[in-house]
Amino acid sequence: MGDSLASARHILKFAVFAPEPLAGRLQSILMSLGDYDICTDIAELKPADCAAIFTSGLSAAQSRWLGVTSLPKVLILPSDRLDTKSAEELVLGSDFYYQDVLEVLYRLRLGRDTSQSGGVAKKDRLVGISPAVAELRRLSAQVADKAVTVLITGPSGAGKEVVARSLHDLSCRRDAPFVPINCGAIPRELLESELFGHERGAFTGAISSRAGRFELAEGGTLFLDEIGDMPLDMQVKILRVIQERTFERVGSDKTRSADVRIIAATHRNLEAMIESGQFREDLYYRINVFPLSVPGLAERAEDIPHLIRALAKQLETEGLGRLRLADSAMRSLCAHGWSGNIRELANLLERLVIMYPDQVVGFIDLPENYRYGDDGWRPPFLAESDTVAEAGTSLPALPAAGINMKDYFQDVERQWISQALSVHEGVVSKAALHLGLRRTTLIEKMRKLGIQP
């Protein structure tokens, strides 16, 4: 699913030289998009420590500060002047949105869009900057070239096939076919033929011989999606192929070799299925040599703007038009729970670009169940209830005997975080929005304070 921003979670520093409110708005967007430190005062930053400059024009003092240092510069211009600049120049219109800023960050190449191994460029399909995606990217790189079976688990719509394709692209089999098959979408009486092929006359309707997915994937990768939905009798046959690397077509006694790398995926709990007799334990251990877990989108809310960018570019390439989201719409989508994960997000964006082609989609344009807050939303005050205390405006008096301020404010943090989680029924992304924190910051505070969602 395209390129990705920084794999290393280090803090990059930007200088922003622009009048208010442009500088404040740009600072807010940049800090919400990644681990970035923003400086607007030349006395607080050296050019050598700066990754890039965002400016609507440098003053004499700022020019002297910059000196001869060759730093990437992003020009912030009135929107009616953008057409006067070449496509190679880094520019932002003064009416910029999240996607515009994010596009500039990718063009600055502050992250990576390929990995190198042996001089061969390999496409990184994983999108996102979250720790979960960084770990998934790291593990994928470790196992990609190994001749072992991989089991990818995660909820439906989370991108398991994208991970499988990424493993194939990073492997030595990348020039051979990647062949997917959804084991739950094919009737059980046809699944054996789909996997292993058949000879003419093998069954009613078999008017000619046909190669199966194992043959089509020869030398490459066979992706067994939703293997948890595979019937037990077929599980036995798959186990034999994995063990012996041979198979026969339906209606044939000729043994064929299977030079394929098998990647399996499921949204089911296979261990629970083993306990209930629905999945073979021996097959489970054969496919679970190297497990990879794909998190749900609600667990990686910081990746949502990056996914929207990638999906919107894909929609534009397909000729559906350009999709732009206002800041309020982007914030609202980042607060959604996404039970359908990336598939739900992709379907929503496709609907929006059809309804509002080449327009800016605002908060009010979102379907009602995707709206959180309002156009000028700020975290609301907590209402008084049995579990939530009324927000007061006065500070407690300083105790005459003194106070441990660190412990006191830790207690306040613990109470407010617990209250926010309670209000939002344990949804961390919504609690973080309520508290005015980034989701990753809230998770770190919860870890330090021993709070469970």
Protein backbone atom coordinates (compact mmCIF):
# COMPACT_ATOMS: atom_id res chain seq x y z
CA MET A 1 0.00 0.00 0.00
CA GLY A 2 2.70 2.47 -0.87
CA ASP A 3 5.57 4.11 0.90
CA SER A 4 6.02 4.84 4.59
CA LEU A 5 7.40 7.53 6.86
CA ALA A 6 10.26 7.11 9.24
CA SER A 7 10.95 3.62 10.46
CA ALA A 8 13.05 4.97 13.33
CA ARG A 9 11.07 6.66 16.09
CA HIS A 10 13.46 9.56 16.57
CA ILE A 11 12.30 13.17 16.87
CA LEU A 12 12.90 15.38 13.84
CA LYS A 13 13.13 19.14 14.25
CA PHE A 14 11.53 21.70 11.92
CA ALA A 15 11.86 25.46 11.83
CA VAL A 16 8.61 27.28 11.05
CA PHE A 17 8.94 30.93 10.01
CA ALA A 18 5.47 32.23 9.20
CA PRO A 19 2.95 34.65 10.71
CA GLU A 20 0.09 33.53 12.91
CA PRO A 21 -2.26 31.79 12.52
CA LEU A 22 -0.36 29.90 9.79
CA ALA A 23 2.55 28.98 12.08
CA GLY A 24 0.33 27.70 14.88
CA ARG A 25 -1.84 25.67 12.54
CA LEU A 26 1.15 24.15 10.78
CA GLN A 27 2.77 23.34 14.12
CA SER A 28 -0.39 21.62 15.33
CA ILE A 29 -0.67 19.49 12.17
CA LEU A 30 3.02 18.53 12.13
CA MET A 31 2.99 17.44 15.77
CA SER A 32 -0.13 15.34 15.19
CA LEU A 33 1.47 13.57 12.23
CA GLY A 34 4.61 12.27 13.91
CA ASP A 35 7.37 12.70 16.46
CA TYR A 36 8.33 16.20 15.35
CA ASP A 37 9.72 19.11 17.36
CA ILE A 38 8.75 22.55 16.05
CA CYS A 39 10.79 25.71 16.59
CA THR A 40 9.80 29.26 15.64
CA ASP A 41 12.67 31.09 17.35
CA ILE A 42 16.14 31.04 15.75
CA ALA A 43 17.70 31.41 19.22
CA GLU A 44 16.41 27.94 20.17
CA LEU A 45 17.71 25.95 17.20
CA LYS A 46 20.87 25.53 15.15
CA PRO A 47 20.52 25.02 11.38
CA ALA A 48 22.56 21.80 11.65
CA ASP A 49 19.91 20.30 13.97
CA CYS A 50 17.06 21.16 11.63
CA ALA A 51 15.51 18.69 9.14
CA ALA A 52 13.68 21.31 7.08
CA ILE A 53 12.35 24.88 7.11
CA PHE A 54 8.73 25.87 6.50
CA THR A 55 8.58 29.55 5.61
CA SER A 56 6.41 32.20 4.01
CA GLY A 57 9.53 34.34 3.62
CA LEU A 58 12.80 34.72 5.56
CA SER A 59 13.66 37.90 7.43
CA ALA A 60 17.18 39.28 7.32
CA ALA A 61 17.93 37.78 10.75
CA GLN A 62 16.58 34.40 9.69
CA SER A 63 18.65 34.48 6.50
CA ARG A 64 21.79 35.22 8.53
CA TRP A 65 20.89 32.36 10.90
CA LEU A 66 20.58 30.00 7.96
CA GLY A 67 23.81 31.19 6.35
CA VAL A 68 25.13 28.87 3.65
CA THR A 69 23.54 25.78 5.16
CA SER A 70 21.71 23.79 2.51
CA LEU A 71 18.43 22.92 4.18
CA PRO A 72 15.24 21.78 2.44
CA LYS A 73 12.82 24.71 2.33
CA VAL A 74 9.05 24.43 2.04
CA LEU A 75 7.52 27.68 0.80
CA ILE A 76 4.11 28.66 2.17
CA LEU A 77 2.42 30.73 -0.53
CA PRO A 78 -1.01 32.19 -1.20
CA SER A 79 -2.98 29.54 -3.04
CA ASP A 80 -3.37 31.67 -6.16
CA ARG A 81 0.43 31.67 -6.60
CA LEU A 82 0.93 27.91 -6.51
CA ASP A 83 0.58 27.59 -10.29
CA THR A 84 3.66 29.78 -10.77
CA LYS A 85 5.92 27.22 -9.09
CA SER A 86 7.45 24.18 -10.73
CA ALA A 87 6.37 20.68 -9.71
CA GLU A 88 9.85 20.06 -8.27
CA GLU A 89 9.58 22.87 -5.72
CA LEU A 90 8.29 22.14 -2.24
CA VAL A 91 5.33 24.44 -1.67
CA LEU A 92 2.27 24.60 0.55
CA GLY A 93 -0.77 26.71 -0.18
CA SER A 94 -1.77 28.95 2.69
CA ASP A 95 -5.05 27.00 2.89
CA PHE A 96 -3.17 23.73 3.52
CA TYR A 97 -4.77 20.66 5.09
CA TYR A 98 -3.40 17.51 6.75
CA GLN A 99 -2.91 15.71 3.43
CA ASP A 100 -1.00 18.64 1.92
CA VAL A 101 1.44 18.76 4.85
CA LEU A 102 1.80 14.98 4.83
CA GLU A 103 2.54 14.98 1.09
CA VAL A 104 5.33 17.49 1.66
CA LEU A 105 6.81 15.29 4.40
CA TYR A 106 6.90 12.34 2.01
CA ARG A 107 8.43 14.46 -0.74
CA LEU A 108 11.08 15.60 1.72
CA ARG A 109 11.92 11.87 2.00
CA LEU A 110 12.19 12.14 5.77
CA GLY A 111 11.09 8.52 5.86
CA ARG A 112 11.65 5.72 3.42
CA ASP A 113 9.73 4.26 0.50
CA THR A 114 12.09 1.41 -0.39
CA SER A 115 14.52 -0.86 1.38
CA GLN A 116 17.77 -1.99 -0.11
CA SER A 117 19.23 -5.44 -0.06
CA GLY A 118 21.98 -6.57 -2.35
CA GLY A 119 21.48 -3.49 -4.51
CA VAL A 120 17.90 -4.49 -5.34
CA ALA A 121 15.13 -2.01 -4.51
CA LYS A 122 12.15 -3.58 -2.80
CA LYS A 123 8.81 -1.88 -2.37
CA ASP A 124 7.56 -1.41 1.18
CA ARG A 125 3.79 -1.87 1.07
CA LEU A 126 3.26 -1.21 4.79
CA VAL A 127 1.87 2.24 5.57
CA GLY A 128 2.25 3.96 8.92
CA ILE A 129 4.55 5.31 11.61
CA SER A 130 3.06 3.61 14.66
CA PRO A 131 5.21 1.34 16.85
CA ALA A 132 3.02 -1.61 15.83
CA VAL A 133 3.72 -1.05 12.13
CA ALA A 134 7.42 -0.42 12.80
CA GLU A 135 7.62 -3.77 14.61
CA LEU A 136 5.68 -5.50 11.84
CA ARG A 137 8.04 -4.01 9.28
CA ARG A 138 11.08 -5.16 11.28
CA LEU A 139 9.83 -8.73 11.70
CA SER A 140 8.81 -8.93 8.05
CA ALA A 141 12.30 -7.94 6.95
CA GLN A 142 13.76 -10.63 9.22
CA VAL A 143 11.66 -13.50 7.87
CA ALA A 144 11.08 -12.45 4.26
CA ASP A 145 14.04 -14.34 2.79
CA LYS A 146 13.71 -17.37 5.03
CA ALA A 147 12.17 -20.55 3.60
CA VAL A 148 9.66 -20.92 6.43
CA THR A 149 5.88 -20.80 6.62
CA VAL A 150 4.38 -17.63 8.08
CA LEU A 151 1.03 -17.29 9.83
CA ILE A 152 -0.49 -13.80 9.79
CA THR A 153 -3.24 -13.12 12.31
CA GLY A 154 -5.42 -10.09 12.81
CA PRO A 155 -9.00 -8.84 12.47
CA SER A 156 -10.81 -8.78 9.13
CA GLY A 157 -9.93 -5.81 6.98
CA ALA A 158 -6.70 -5.02 8.86
CA GLY A 159 -4.41 -5.62 5.84
CA LYS A 160 -3.19 -9.20 6.23
CA GLU A 161 -2.87 -9.68 2.46
CA VAL A 162 -0.85 -6.47 2.22
CA VAL A 163 1.60 -7.93 4.75
CA ALA A 164 1.74 -11.18 2.77
CA ARG A 165 2.46 -9.32 -0.47
CA SER A 166 5.12 -7.28 1.32
CA LEU A 167 6.82 -10.50 2.47
CA HIS A 168 6.75 -11.77 -1.11
CA ASP A 169 8.20 -8.50 -2.45
CA LEU A 170 11.03 -8.63 0.08
CA SER A 171 11.86 -12.29 -0.60
CA CYS A 172 14.10 -13.96 -3.16
CA ARG A 173 10.88 -15.21 -4.83
CA ARG A 174 9.75 -11.68 -5.71
CA ASP A 175 10.08 -12.26 -9.49
CA ALA A 176 7.85 -15.36 -9.37
CA PRO A 177 4.04 -15.29 -8.94
CA PHE A 178 2.18 -14.31 -5.79
CA VAL A 179 -1.03 -16.37 -5.84
CA PRO A 180 -3.78 -15.69 -3.26
CA ILE A 181 -6.75 -17.89 -2.49
CA ASN A 182 -9.49 -17.24 0.05
CA CYS A 183 -10.16 -20.60 1.66
CA GLY A 184 -13.49 -19.42 3.07
CA ALA A 185 -14.89 -18.03 -0.19
CA ILE A 186 -14.74 -21.24 -2.25
CA PRO A 187 -17.29 -24.06 -1.79
CA ARG A 188 -15.69 -27.04 -0.05
CA GLU A 189 -16.43 -29.36 -2.99
CA LEU A 190 -14.42 -27.07 -5.32
CA LEU A 191 -11.59 -26.15 -2.95
CA GLU A 192 -9.45 -29.22 -3.68
CA SER A 193 -9.65 -28.58 -7.42
CA GLU A 194 -8.83 -24.89 -6.92
CA LEU A 195 -5.75 -25.75 -4.86
CA PHE A 196 -4.37 -28.79 -6.68
CA GLY A 197 -5.98 -28.60 -10.14
CA HIS A 198 -7.81 -31.40 -11.93
CA GLU A 199 -7.64 -33.60 -15.00
CA ARG A 200 -10.24 -33.76 -17.72
CA GLY A 201 -13.20 -35.91 -16.66
CA ALA A 202 -12.19 -35.94 -12.99
CA PHE A 203 -15.73 -34.84 -12.07
CA THR A 204 -18.90 -33.63 -13.73
CA GLY A 205 -18.13 -30.40 -15.57
CA ALA A 206 -14.36 -31.00 -15.81
CA ILE A 207 -14.28 -30.67 -19.60
CA SER A 208 -10.54 -29.91 -19.68
CA SER A 209 -7.47 -30.22 -17.50
CA ARG A 210 -6.73 -27.25 -15.25
CA ALA A 211 -3.77 -26.21 -13.12
CA GLY A 212 -4.44 -25.40 -9.47
CA ARG A 213 -3.05 -22.61 -7.31
CA PHE A 214 -0.04 -24.67 -6.22
CA GLU A 215 1.08 -25.02 -9.83
CA LEU A 216 0.30 -21.38 -10.63
CA ALA A 217 2.47 -20.30 -7.68
CA GLU A 218 5.44 -22.48 -8.71
CA GLY A 219 8.65 -20.81 -7.58
CA GLY A 220 6.70 -18.07 -5.83
CA THR A 221 4.32 -17.59 -2.92
CA LEU A 222 0.93 -19.16 -2.23
CA PHE A 223 -1.19 -17.09 0.15
CA LEU A 224 -3.83 -19.16 1.97
CA ASP A 225 -6.16 -16.46 3.26
CA GLU A 226 -8.67 -17.35 5.99
CA ILE A 227 -7.16 -20.78 6.50
CA GLY A 228 -9.27 -21.10 9.64
CA ASP A 229 -12.31 -21.57 7.37
CA MET A 230 -10.75 -24.55 5.57
CA PRO A 231 -12.64 -27.88 6.03
CA LEU A 232 -10.90 -30.51 8.16
CA ASP A 233 -10.54 -33.00 5.28
CA MET A 234 -8.72 -30.36 3.23
CA GLN A 235 -6.49 -29.48 6.18
CA VAL A 236 -5.09 -33.01 6.03
CA LYS A 237 -4.14 -32.58 2.36
CA ILE A 238 -2.54 -29.18 2.93
CA LEU A 239 -0.52 -30.68 5.80
CA ARG A 240 0.81 -33.38 3.48
CA VAL A 241 1.87 -30.82 0.84
CA ILE A 242 3.70 -28.76 3.47
CA GLN A 243 5.47 -31.86 4.82
CA GLU A 244 6.31 -33.65 1.58
CA ARG A 245 6.28 -30.78 -0.94
CA THR A 246 4.29 -32.92 -3.37
CA PHE A 247 0.63 -33.22 -4.49
CA GLU A 248 -1.61 -34.77 -7.14
CA ARG A 249 -4.26 -33.17 -9.29
CA VAL A 250 -7.82 -34.34 -8.75
CA GLY A 251 -8.35 -37.36 -10.99
CA SER A 252 -4.61 -38.04 -11.45
CA ASP A 253 -2.12 -40.39 -9.83
CA LYS A 254 0.87 -38.39 -11.07
CA THR A 255 2.81 -36.81 -8.21
CA ARG A 256 3.92 -33.23 -8.80
CA SER A 257 6.46 -31.23 -6.84
CA ALA A 258 5.45 -28.03 -5.05
CA ASP A 259 8.19 -25.40 -4.94
CA VAL A 260 6.15 -22.72 -3.20
CA ARG A 261 6.48 -20.60 -0.10
CA ILE A 262 3.26 -20.79 1.93
CA ILE A 263 1.92 -17.81 3.85
CA ALA A 264 -1.35 -18.35 5.73
CA ALA A 265 -3.67 -15.85 7.37
CA THR A 266 -6.75 -15.90 9.56
CA HIS A 267 -8.92 -13.66 11.72
CA ARG A 268 -9.93 -16.65 13.85
CA ASN A 269 -8.46 -17.92 17.12
CA LEU A 270 -6.92 -21.15 15.84
CA GLU A 271 -5.90 -22.35 19.31
CA ALA A 272 -9.54 -22.16 20.44
CA MET A 273 -10.56 -23.97 17.24
CA ILE A 274 -8.07 -26.74 18.06
CA GLU A 275 -9.69 -27.15 21.48
CA SER A 276 -13.12 -27.46 19.87
CA GLY A 277 -11.88 -29.91 17.21
CA GLN A 278 -12.36 -27.49 14.29
CA PHE A 279 -8.69 -27.14 13.35
CA ARG A 280 -5.87 -29.68 13.24
CA GLU A 281 -3.16 -29.13 15.83
CA ASP A 282 -0.44 -30.63 13.62
CA LEU A 283 -1.31 -28.24 10.77
CA TYR A 284 -1.31 -25.31 13.20
CA TYR A 285 2.26 -26.00 14.25
CA ARG A 286 3.29 -26.44 10.60
CA ILE A 287 1.95 -23.06 9.51
CA ASN A 288 2.78 -21.16 12.71
CA VAL A 289 6.56 -21.36 12.32
CA PHE A 290 6.85 -17.57 12.28
CA PRO A 291 3.74 -15.70 13.51
CA LEU A 292 2.99 -12.11 12.56
CA SER A 293 0.18 -10.12 14.16
CA VAL A 294 -1.52 -7.27 12.29
CA PRO A 295 -3.16 -4.79 14.69
CA GLY A 296 -6.64 -3.39 14.16
CA LEU A 297 -6.87 0.20 12.98
CA ALA A 298 -8.19 1.39 16.35
CA GLU A 299 -4.84 0.31 17.86
CA ARG A 300 -2.84 2.46 15.44
CA ALA A 301 -4.88 5.65 15.12
CA GLU A 302 -1.74 7.70 14.39
CA ASP A 303 -1.47 5.83 11.07
CA ILE A 304 -4.89 6.98 9.85
CA PRO A 305 -3.69 10.20 8.10
CA HIS A 306 -0.97 8.18 6.34
CA LEU A 307 -3.47 5.53 5.23
CA ILE A 308 -5.87 8.23 4.02
CA ARG A 309 -3.05 9.73 1.95
CA ALA A 310 -2.21 6.37 0.36
CA LEU A 311 -5.84 5.43 -0.29
CA ALA A 312 -6.73 8.89 -1.66
CA LYS A 313 -3.80 8.75 -4.11
CA GLN A 314 -5.00 5.31 -5.23
CA LEU A 315 -8.52 6.64 -5.82
CA GLU A 316 -7.12 9.58 -7.81
CA THR A 317 -5.03 7.19 -9.92
CA GLU A 318 -8.20 5.20 -10.65
CA GLY A 319 -9.81 8.35 -12.04
CA LEU A 320 -12.33 8.96 -9.25
CA GLY A 321 -11.04 12.45 -8.49
CA ARG A 322 -9.00 14.13 -5.80
CA LEU A 323 -10.13 13.77 -2.19
CA ARG A 324 -9.16 16.36 0.42
CA LEU A 325 -10.25 16.38 4.04
CA ALA A 326 -10.63 19.45 6.22
CA ASP A 327 -8.80 19.36 9.54
CA SER A 328 -12.04 18.82 11.46
CA ALA A 329 -12.93 15.84 9.23
CA MET A 330 -9.47 14.32 9.64
CA ARG A 331 -9.60 14.67 13.44
CA SER A 332 -13.03 13.09 13.49
CA LEU A 333 -11.92 10.09 11.42
CA CYS A 334 -8.93 9.62 13.73
CA ALA A 335 -11.36 9.33 16.66
CA HIS A 336 -13.53 6.65 15.04
CA GLY A 337 -13.34 3.06 16.30
CA TRP A 338 -13.00 1.39 12.83
CA SER A 339 -14.47 -2.02 13.57
CA GLY A 340 -14.07 -2.77 9.85
CA ASN A 341 -10.45 -1.59 9.92
CA ILE A 342 -8.69 -0.45 6.73
CA ARG A 343 -11.39 -1.98 4.52
CA GLU A 344 -13.99 0.22 6.23
CA LEU A 345 -11.77 3.28 5.81
CA ALA A 346 -11.19 2.54 2.11
CA ASN A 347 -14.92 2.10 1.49
CA LEU A 348 -15.72 5.38 3.25
CA LEU A 349 -13.11 7.34 1.27
CA GLU A 350 -14.42 5.87 -1.99
CA ARG A 351 -17.93 7.00 -1.05
CA LEU A 352 -16.69 10.50 -0.15
CA VAL A 353 -14.71 11.02 -3.36
CA ILE A 354 -17.77 9.99 -5.41
CA MET A 355 -20.02 12.40 -3.48
CA TYR A 356 -17.52 15.28 -3.29
CA PRO A 357 -15.09 14.92 -6.23
CA ASP A 358 -12.22 17.46 -6.19
CA GLN A 359 -13.76 19.21 -3.18
CA VAL A 360 -12.69 19.66 0.43
CA VAL A 361 -14.71 17.31 2.63
CA GLY A 362 -15.66 18.96 5.91
CA PHE A 363 -16.87 17.59 9.20
CA ILE A 364 -20.54 18.07 8.26
CA ASP A 365 -20.00 16.11 5.02
CA LEU A 366 -19.07 12.95 6.91
CA PRO A 367 -21.77 10.33 7.54
CA GLU A 368 -23.27 10.95 10.97
CA ASN A 369 -21.75 7.86 12.58
CA TYR A 370 -18.25 9.16 11.68
CA ARG A 371 -18.69 12.56 13.33
CA TYR A 372 -17.02 13.13 16.69
CA GLY A 373 -17.43 16.60 18.21
CA ASP A 374 -18.11 19.42 15.74
CA ASP A 375 -16.28 21.72 13.31
CA GLY A 376 -14.65 23.68 16.09
CA TRP A 377 -14.51 20.79 18.50
CA ARG A 378 -12.39 20.85 21.61
CA PRO A 379 -12.42 18.21 24.36
CA PRO A 380 -15.62 18.91 26.35
CA PHE A 381 -15.73 19.37 30.11
CA LEU A 382 -16.61 16.20 31.96
CA ALA A 383 -20.22 16.19 33.12
CA GLU A 384 -20.98 15.40 36.72
CA SER A 385 -22.07 11.80 37.23
CA ASP A 386 -21.59 8.88 39.60
CA THR A 387 -18.20 8.11 38.07
CA VAL A 388 -17.05 11.50 36.78
CA ALA A 389 -16.36 14.42 39.06
CA GLU A 390 -17.39 17.93 38.10
CA ALA A 391 -14.53 19.93 36.59
CA GLY A 392 -13.60 22.64 39.06
CA THR A 393 -11.95 25.96 38.40
CA SER A 394 -10.20 26.60 41.72
CA LEU A 395 -6.92 25.15 42.92
CA PRO A 396 -6.61 23.51 46.35
CA ALA A 397 -4.77 25.50 49.00
CA LEU A 398 -1.08 24.74 49.48
CA PRO A 399 -0.74 22.45 52.54
CA ALA A 400 1.14 24.13 55.39
CA ALA A 401 3.17 20.95 55.95
CA GLY A 402 4.32 20.86 52.32
CA ILE A 403 3.45 18.51 49.46
CA ASN A 404 5.07 16.03 47.09
CA MET A 405 4.04 17.69 43.81
CA LYS A 406 5.20 14.78 41.66
CA ASP A 407 2.94 12.30 43.50
CA TYR A 408 0.08 14.80 43.59
CA PHE A 409 0.06 15.43 39.84
CA GLN A 410 0.53 11.73 39.13
CA ASP A 411 -2.66 11.11 41.11
CA VAL A 412 -4.45 13.81 39.08
CA GLU A 413 -3.21 12.28 35.83
CA ARG A 414 -4.28 8.83 36.95
CA GLN A 415 -7.78 10.04 37.87
CA TRP A 416 -8.33 12.03 34.66
CA ILE A 417 -7.03 9.26 32.41
CA SER A 418 -9.22 6.71 34.19
CA GLN A 419 -12.23 9.03 33.88
CA ALA A 420 -11.61 9.64 30.17
CA LEU A 421 -11.29 5.90 29.53
CA SER A 422 -14.50 5.31 31.45
CA VAL A 423 -16.40 7.99 29.50
CA HIS A 424 -15.23 6.51 26.19
CA GLU A 425 -15.69 2.87 27.23
CA GLY A 426 -12.00 2.03 27.08
CA VAL A 427 -11.39 3.38 23.54
CA VAL A 428 -7.89 4.81 23.93
CA SER A 429 -7.96 6.97 20.77
CA LYS A 430 -11.12 8.78 21.92
CA ALA A 431 -9.80 9.20 25.45
CA ALA A 432 -6.58 10.69 24.06
CA LEU A 433 -8.57 13.16 21.94
CA HIS A 434 -10.62 14.09 25.01
CA LEU A 435 -7.47 14.76 27.03
CA GLY A 436 -5.75 16.69 24.25
CA LEU A 437 -2.99 14.07 23.98
CA ARG A 438 -1.57 12.01 21.15
CA ARG A 439 -2.63 8.38 21.40
CA THR A 440 0.98 7.18 21.78
CA THR A 441 1.55 9.70 24.59
CA LEU A 442 -1.54 8.49 26.43
CA ILE A 443 -0.49 4.85 26.04
CA GLU A 444 2.93 5.66 27.51
CA LYS A 445 1.34 7.50 30.45
CA MET A 446 -1.02 4.55 31.04
CA ARG A 447 1.96 2.19 31.05
CA LYS A 448 3.86 4.29 33.58
CA LEU A 449 0.82 4.71 35.81
CA GLY A 450 -0.23 1.06 35.57
CA ILE A 451 -3.63 1.84 34.01
CA GLN A 452 -5.38 -0.81 31.94
CA PRO A 453 -7.93 0.28 29.28
